[in-house]
Amino acid sequence: HTEVRDRSGELVAAADIDWLLLNERG
């Protein structure tokens, strides 16, 4: 989970990213 906030602390964007761990063969 990632949050991006401006200097005032206002939330300007949020993301949930699913990552997959792969080997050299994919």
PDB file of all heavy atoms in Angstrom:
ATOM      1  N   HIS A   1       0.866  -1.174   0.000  1.00  0.00           N
ATOM      2  CA  HIS A   1       0.000   0.000   0.000  1.00  0.00           C
ATOM      3  C   HIS A   1       0.903   1.226   0.000  1.00  0.00           C
ATOM      4  O   HIS A   1       1.829   1.323   0.817  1.00  0.00           O
ATOM      5  CB  HIS A   1      -0.916   0.016   1.224  1.00  0.00           C
ATOM      6  CG  HIS A   1      -1.792   1.213   1.278  1.00  0.00           C
ATOM      7  ND1 HIS A   1      -2.863   1.388   0.428  1.00  0.00           N
ATOM      8  CD2 HIS A   1      -1.736   2.327   2.056  1.00  0.00           C
ATOM      9  CE1 HIS A   1      -3.449   2.536   0.689  1.00  0.00           C
ATOM     10  NE2 HIS A   1      -2.781   3.127   1.676  1.00  0.00           N
ATOM     11  N   THR A   2       0.637   2.132  -0.919  1.00  0.00           N
ATOM     12  CA  THR A   2       1.423   3.350  -1.050  1.00  0.00           C
ATOM     13  C   THR A   2       0.505   4.555  -0.958  1.00  0.00           C
ATOM     14  O   THR A   2      -0.582   4.549  -1.533  1.00  0.00           O
ATOM     15  CB  THR A   2       2.172   3.369  -2.400  1.00  0.00           C
ATOM     16  OG1 THR A   2       3.045   2.241  -2.450  1.00  0.00           O
ATOM     17  CG2 THR A   2       2.987   4.641  -2.573  1.00  0.00           C
ATOM     18  N   GLU A   3       0.957   5.566  -0.226  1.00  0.00           N
ATOM     19  CA  GLU A   3       0.220   6.827  -0.136  1.00  0.00           C
ATOM     20  C   GLU A   3       1.137   7.966  -0.550  1.00  0.00           C
ATOM     21  O   GLU A   3       2.327   7.962  -0.233  1.00  0.00           O
ATOM     22  CB  GLU A   3      -0.282   7.077   1.285  1.00  0.00           C
ATOM     23  CG  GLU A   3      -1.336   6.087   1.728  1.00  0.00           C
ATOM     24  CD  GLU A   3      -1.869   6.370   3.122  1.00  0.00           C
ATOM     25  OE1 GLU A   3      -1.301   7.203   3.848  1.00  0.00           O
ATOM     26  OE2 GLU A   3      -2.868   5.720   3.476  1.00  0.00           O
ATOM     27  N   VAL A   4       0.544   8.932  -1.255  1.00  0.00           N
ATOM     28  CA  VAL A   4       1.262  10.140  -1.660  1.00  0.00           C
ATOM     29  C   VAL A   4       0.535  11.323  -1.027  1.00  0.00           C
ATOM     30  O   VAL A   4      -0.666  11.491  -1.233  1.00  0.00           O
ATOM     31  CB  VAL A   4       1.302  10.284  -3.197  1.00  0.00           C
ATOM     32  CG1 VAL A   4       2.077  11.537  -3.595  1.00  0.00           C
ATOM     33  CG2 VAL A   4       1.904   9.038  -3.851  1.00  0.00           C
ATOM     34  N   ARG A   5       1.280  12.093  -0.251  1.00  0.00           N
ATOM     35  CA  ARG A   5       0.698  13.249   0.443  1.00  0.00           C
ATOM     36  C   ARG A   5       1.466  14.509   0.068  1.00  0.00           C
ATOM     37  O   ARG A   5       2.679  14.458  -0.160  1.00  0.00           O
ATOM     38  CB  ARG A   5       0.752  13.049   1.956  1.00  0.00           C
ATOM     39  CG  ARG A   5      -0.120  11.890   2.404  1.00  0.00           C
ATOM     40  CD  ARG A   5      -0.110  11.716   3.920  1.00  0.00           C
ATOM     41  NE  ARG A   5      -0.960  10.591   4.286  1.00  0.00           N
ATOM     42  CZ  ARG A   5      -2.265  10.663   4.493  1.00  0.00           C
ATOM     43  NH1 ARG A   5      -2.880  11.838   4.391  1.00  0.00           N
ATOM     44  NH2 ARG A   5      -2.967   9.591   4.804  1.00  0.00           N
ATOM     45  N   ASP A   6       0.738  15.632   0.028  1.00  0.00           N
ATOM     46  CA  ASP A   6       1.412  16.896  -0.222  1.00  0.00           C
ATOM     47  C   ASP A   6       1.979  17.440   1.082  1.00  0.00           C
ATOM     48  O   ASP A   6       1.854  16.820   2.144  1.00  0.00           O
ATOM     49  CB  ASP A   6       0.496  17.893  -0.930  1.00  0.00           C
ATOM     50  CG  ASP A   6      -0.639  18.396  -0.062  1.00  0.00           C
ATOM     51  OD1 ASP A   6      -0.669  18.130   1.156  1.00  0.00           O
ATOM     52  OD2 ASP A   6      -1.509  19.083  -0.612  1.00  0.00           O
ATOM     53  N   ARG A   7       2.603  18.593   1.000  1.00  0.00           N
ATOM     54  CA  ARG A   7       3.283  19.166   2.159  1.00  0.00           C
ATOM     55  C   ARG A   7       2.353  19.381   3.353  1.00  0.00           C
ATOM     56  O   ARG A   7       2.761  19.269   4.506  1.00  0.00           O
ATOM     57  CB  ARG A   7       3.916  20.476   1.746  1.00  0.00           C
ATOM     58  CG  ARG A   7       4.775  21.084   2.795  1.00  0.00           C
ATOM     59  CD  ARG A   7       5.410  22.337   2.285  1.00  0.00           C
ATOM     60  NE  ARG A   7       6.837  22.251   2.573  1.00  0.00           N
ATOM     61  CZ  ARG A   7       7.698  23.138   2.183  1.00  0.00           C
ATOM     62  NH1 ARG A   7       7.319  24.146   1.450  1.00  0.00           N
ATOM     63  NH2 ARG A   7       8.951  23.005   2.507  1.00  0.00           N
ATOM     64  N   SER A   8       1.074  19.670   3.091  1.00  0.00           N
ATOM     65  CA  SER A   8       0.116  19.893   4.182  1.00  0.00           C
ATOM     66  C   SER A   8      -0.360  18.593   4.817  1.00  0.00           C
ATOM     67  O   SER A   8      -1.056  18.614   5.823  1.00  0.00           O
ATOM     68  CB  SER A   8      -1.093  20.672   3.661  1.00  0.00           C
ATOM     69  OG  SER A   8      -1.894  19.841   2.840  1.00  0.00           O
ATOM     70  N   GLY A   9      -0.005  17.464   4.210  1.00  0.00           N
ATOM     71  CA  GLY A   9      -0.449  16.167   4.706  1.00  0.00           C
ATOM     72  C   GLY A   9      -1.676  15.633   3.996  1.00  0.00           C
ATOM     73  O   GLY A   9      -2.138  14.529   4.282  1.00  0.00           O
ATOM     74  N   GLU A  10      -2.206  16.422   3.044  1.00  0.00           N
ATOM     75  CA  GLU A  10      -3.379  15.982   2.287  1.00  0.00           C
ATOM     76  C   GLU A  10      -3.027  14.777   1.414  1.00  0.00           C
ATOM     77  O   GLU A  10      -2.017  14.786   0.703  1.00  0.00           O
ATOM     78  CB  GLU A  10      -3.905  17.102   1.394  1.00  0.00           C
ATOM     79  CG  GLU A  10      -5.076  16.676   0.527  1.00  0.00           C
ATOM     80  CD  GLU A  10      -5.475  17.731  -0.504  1.00  0.00           C
ATOM     81  OE1 GLU A  10      -4.895  18.819  -0.530  1.00  0.00           O
ATOM     82  OE2 GLU A  10      -6.372  17.423  -1.298  1.00  0.00           O
ATOM     83  N   LEU A  11      -3.851  13.764   1.462  1.00  0.00           N
ATOM     84  CA  LEU A  11      -3.670  12.585   0.626  1.00  0.00           C
ATOM     85  C   LEU A  11      -4.049  12.935  -0.807  1.00  0.00           C
ATOM     86  O   LEU A  11      -5.194  13.309  -1.077  1.00  0.00           O
ATOM     87  CB  LEU A  11      -4.541  11.434   1.143  1.00  0.00           C
ATOM     88  CG  LEU A  11      -4.402  10.091   0.440  1.00  0.00           C
ATOM     89  CD1 LEU A  11      -2.993   9.526   0.621  1.00  0.00           C
ATOM     90  CD2 LEU A  11      -5.440   9.115   0.979  1.00  0.00           C
ATOM     91  N   VAL A  12      -3.090  12.839  -1.730  1.00  0.00           N
ATOM     92  CA  VAL A  12      -3.362  13.183  -3.128  1.00  0.00           C
ATOM     93  C   VAL A  12      -3.464  11.953  -4.016  1.00  0.00           C
ATOM     94  O   VAL A  12      -4.036  12.013  -5.103  1.00  0.00           O
ATOM     95  CB  VAL A  12      -2.334  14.184  -3.691  1.00  0.00           C
ATOM     96  CG1 VAL A  12      -2.423  15.517  -2.957  1.00  0.00           C
ATOM     97  CG2 VAL A  12      -0.921  13.629  -3.649  1.00  0.00           C
ATOM     98  N   ALA A  13      -2.921  10.826  -3.560  1.00  0.00           N
ATOM     99  CA  ALA A  13      -3.032   9.572  -4.313  1.00  0.00           C
ATOM    100  C   ALA A  13      -2.759   8.400  -3.384  1.00  0.00           C
ATOM    101  O   ALA A  13      -2.018   8.524  -2.400  1.00  0.00           O
ATOM    102  CB  ALA A  13      -2.058   9.538  -5.488  1.00  0.00           C
ATOM    103  N   ALA A  14      -3.367   7.270  -3.706  1.00  0.00           N
ATOM    104  CA  ALA A  14      -3.135   6.032  -2.954  1.00  0.00           C
ATOM    105  C   ALA A  14      -3.157   4.874  -3.937  1.00  0.00           C
ATOM    106  O   ALA A  14      -3.910   4.906  -4.919  1.00  0.00           O
ATOM    107  CB  ALA A  14      -4.198   5.835  -1.880  1.00  0.00           C
ATOM    108  N   ALA A  15      -2.322   3.888  -3.678  1.00  0.00           N
ATOM    109  CA  ALA A  15      -2.255   2.738  -4.577  1.00  0.00           C
ATOM    110  C   ALA A  15      -2.078   1.460  -3.768  1.00  0.00           C
ATOM    111  O   ALA A  15      -1.370   1.440  -2.762  1.00  0.00           O
ATOM    112  CB  ALA A  15      -1.097   2.881  -5.558  1.00  0.00           C
ATOM    113  N   ASP A  16      -2.732   0.408  -4.233  1.00  0.00           N
ATOM    114  CA  ASP A  16      -2.466  -0.945  -3.769  1.00  0.00           C
ATOM    115  C   ASP A  16      -1.902  -1.679  -4.972  1.00  0.00           C
ATOM    116  O   ASP A  16      -2.528  -1.715  -6.039  1.00  0.00           O
ATOM    117  CB  ASP A  16      -3.739  -1.623  -3.255  1.00  0.00           C
ATOM    118  CG  ASP A  16      -4.171  -1.056  -1.919  1.00  0.00           C
ATOM    119  OD1 ASP A  16      -3.298  -0.812  -1.067  1.00  0.00           O
ATOM    120  OD2 ASP A  16      -5.374  -0.848  -1.727  1.00  0.00           O
ATOM    121  N   ILE A  17      -0.712  -2.232  -4.794  1.00  0.00           N
ATOM    122  CA  ILE A  17      -0.011  -2.878  -5.903  1.00  0.00           C
ATOM    123  C   ILE A  17       0.291  -4.318  -5.525  1.00  0.00           C
ATOM    124  O   ILE A  17       0.867  -4.586  -4.468  1.00  0.00           O
ATOM    125  CB  ILE A  17       1.294  -2.132  -6.243  1.00  0.00           C
ATOM    126  CG1 ILE A  17       0.973  -0.665  -6.578  1.00  0.00           C
ATOM    127  CG2 ILE A  17       2.029  -2.817  -7.386  1.00  0.00           C
ATOM    128  CD1 ILE A  17       2.197   0.204  -6.779  1.00  0.00           C
ATOM    129  N   ASP A  18      -0.111  -5.231  -6.388  1.00  0.00           N
ATOM    130  CA  ASP A  18       0.193  -6.648  -6.213  1.00  0.00           C
ATOM    131  C   ASP A  18       1.445  -6.973  -7.010  1.00  0.00           C
ATOM    132  O   ASP A  18       1.504  -6.715  -8.219  1.00  0.00           O
ATOM    133  CB  ASP A  18      -0.967  -7.526  -6.692  1.00  0.00           C
ATOM    134  CG  ASP A  18      -2.182  -7.407  -5.803  1.00  0.00           C
ATOM    135  OD1 ASP A  18      -2.048  -6.971  -4.646  1.00  0.00           O
ATOM    136  OD2 ASP A  18      -3.279  -7.758  -6.266  1.00  0.00           O
ATOM    137  N   TRP A  19       2.431  -7.534  -6.330  1.00  0.00           N
ATOM    138  CA  TRP A  19       3.711  -7.900  -6.930  1.00  0.00           C
ATOM    139  C   TRP A  19       3.815  -9.422  -6.964  1.00  0.00           C
ATOM    140  O   TRP A  19       3.372 -10.097  -6.039  1.00  0.00           O
ATOM    141  CB  TRP A  19       4.858  -7.345  -6.099  1.00  0.00           C
ATOM    142  CG  TRP A  19       4.918  -5.852  -6.019  1.00  0.00           C
ATOM    143  CD1 TRP A  19       4.194  -5.038  -5.175  1.00  0.00           C
ATOM    144  CD2 TRP A  19       5.735  -4.993  -6.789  1.00  0.00           C
ATOM    145  NE1 TRP A  19       4.532  -3.734  -5.387  1.00  0.00           N
ATOM    146  CE2 TRP A  19       5.479  -3.669  -6.371  1.00  0.00           C
ATOM    147  CE3 TRP A  19       6.669  -5.199  -7.803  1.00  0.00           C
ATOM    148  CZ2 TRP A  19       6.123  -2.566  -6.924  1.00  0.00           C
ATOM    149  CZ3 TRP A  19       7.313  -4.105  -8.338  1.00  0.00           C
ATOM    150  CH2 TRP A  19       7.029  -2.815  -7.903  1.00  0.00           C
ATOM    151  N   LEU A  20       4.440  -9.941  -7.998  1.00  0.00           N
ATOM    152  CA  LEU A  20       4.656 -11.377  -8.162  1.00  0.00           C
ATOM    153  C   LEU A  20       6.157 -11.617  -8.257  1.00  0.00           C
ATOM    154  O   LEU A  20       6.842 -10.993  -9.080  1.00  0.00           O
ATOM    155  CB  LEU A  20       3.946 -11.872  -9.421  1.00  0.00           C
ATOM    156  CG  LEU A  20       4.034 -13.356  -9.746  1.00  0.00           C
ATOM    157  CD1 LEU A  20       3.433 -14.196  -8.624  1.00  0.00           C
ATOM    158  CD2 LEU A  20       3.320 -13.635 -11.058  1.00  0.00           C
ATOM    159  N   LEU A  21       6.679 -12.501  -7.425  1.00  0.00           N
ATOM    160  CA  LEU A  21       8.104 -12.834  -7.412  1.00  0.00           C
ATOM    161  C   LEU A  21       8.362 -13.944  -8.429  1.00  0.00           C
ATOM    162  O   LEU A  21       7.776 -15.031  -8.332  1.00  0.00           O
ATOM    163  CB  LEU A  21       8.526 -13.285  -6.014  1.00  0.00           C
ATOM    164  CG  LEU A  21      10.019 -13.481  -5.786  1.00  0.00           C
ATOM    165  CD1 LEU A  21      10.779 -12.172  -5.967  1.00  0.00           C
ATOM    166  CD2 LEU A  21      10.266 -14.056  -4.395  1.00  0.00           C
ATOM    167  N   LEU A  22       9.222 -13.659  -9.400  1.00  0.00           N
ATOM    168  CA  LEU A  22       9.510 -14.605 -10.485  1.00  0.00           C
ATOM    169  C   LEU A  22      10.983 -14.966 -10.510  1.00  0.00           C
ATOM    170  O   LEU A  22      11.832 -14.187 -10.084  1.00  0.00           O
ATOM    171  CB  LEU A  22       9.129 -13.984 -11.835  1.00  0.00           C
ATOM    172  CG  LEU A  22       7.674 -13.569 -11.999  1.00  0.00           C
ATOM    173  CD1 LEU A  22       7.473 -12.875 -13.343  1.00  0.00           C
ATOM    174  CD2 LEU A  22       6.751 -14.745 -11.860  1.00  0.00           C
ATOM    175  N   ASN A  23      11.265 -16.154 -11.075  1.00  0.00           N
ATOM    176  CA  ASN A  23      12.654 -16.550 -11.271  1.00  0.00           C
ATOM    177  C   ASN A  23      13.097 -16.150 -12.689  1.00  0.00           C
ATOM    178  O   ASN A  23      12.318 -15.549 -13.441  1.00  0.00           O
ATOM    179  CB  ASN A  23      12.868 -18.035 -10.993  1.00  0.00           C
ATOM    180  CG  ASN A  23      12.099 -18.938 -11.947  1.00  0.00           C
ATOM    181  OD1 ASN A  23      11.727 -18.543 -13.060  1.00  0.00           O
ATOM    182  ND2 ASN A  23      11.865 -20.172 -11.539  1.00  0.00           N
ATOM    183  N   GLU A  24      14.311 -16.497 -13.045  1.00  0.00           N
ATOM    184  CA  GLU A  24      14.862 -16.104 -14.343  1.00  0.00           C
ATOM    185  C   GLU A  24      14.066 -16.652 -15.537  1.00  0.00           C
ATOM    186  O   GLU A  24      14.101 -16.091 -16.620  1.00  0.00           O
ATOM    187  CB  GLU A  24      16.319 -16.550 -14.462  1.00  0.00           C
ATOM    188  CG  GLU A  24      17.235 -15.815 -13.497  1.00  0.00           C
ATOM    189  CD  GLU A  24      18.618 -16.382 -13.444  1.00  0.00           C
ATOM    190  OE1 GLU A  24      18.775 -17.637 -13.521  1.00  0.00           O
ATOM    191  OE2 GLU A  24      19.560 -15.586 -13.303  1.00  0.00           O
ATOM    192  N   ARG A  25      13.347 -17.751 -15.318  1.00  0.00           N
ATOM    193  CA  ARG A  25      12.528 -18.322 -16.383  1.00  0.00           C
ATOM    194  C   ARG A  25      11.125 -17.705 -16.430  1.00  0.00           C
ATOM    195  O   ARG A  25      10.301 -18.106 -17.248  1.00  0.00           O
ATOM    196  CB  ARG A  25      12.400 -19.839 -16.206  1.00  0.00           C
ATOM    197  CG  ARG A  25      13.744 -20.557 -16.349  1.00  0.00           C
ATOM    198  CD  ARG A  25      13.606 -22.009 -16.027  1.00  0.00           C
ATOM    199  NE  ARG A  25      13.052 -22.103 -14.658  1.00  0.00           N
ATOM    200  CZ  ARG A  25      12.619 -23.195 -14.086  1.00  0.00           C
ATOM    201  NH1 ARG A  25      12.646 -24.326 -14.734  1.00  0.00           N
ATOM    202  NH2 ARG A  25      12.146 -23.178 -12.872  1.00  0.00           N
ATOM    203  N   GLY A  26      10.846 -16.768 -15.533  1.00  0.00           N
ATOM    204  CA  GLY A  26       9.548 -16.143 -15.493  1.00  0.00           C
ATOM    205  C   GLY A  26       8.502 -16.950 -14.739  1.00  0.00           C
ATOM    206  O   GLY A  26       7.314 -16.725 -14.871  1.00  0.00           O
TER     207      GLY A  26
END
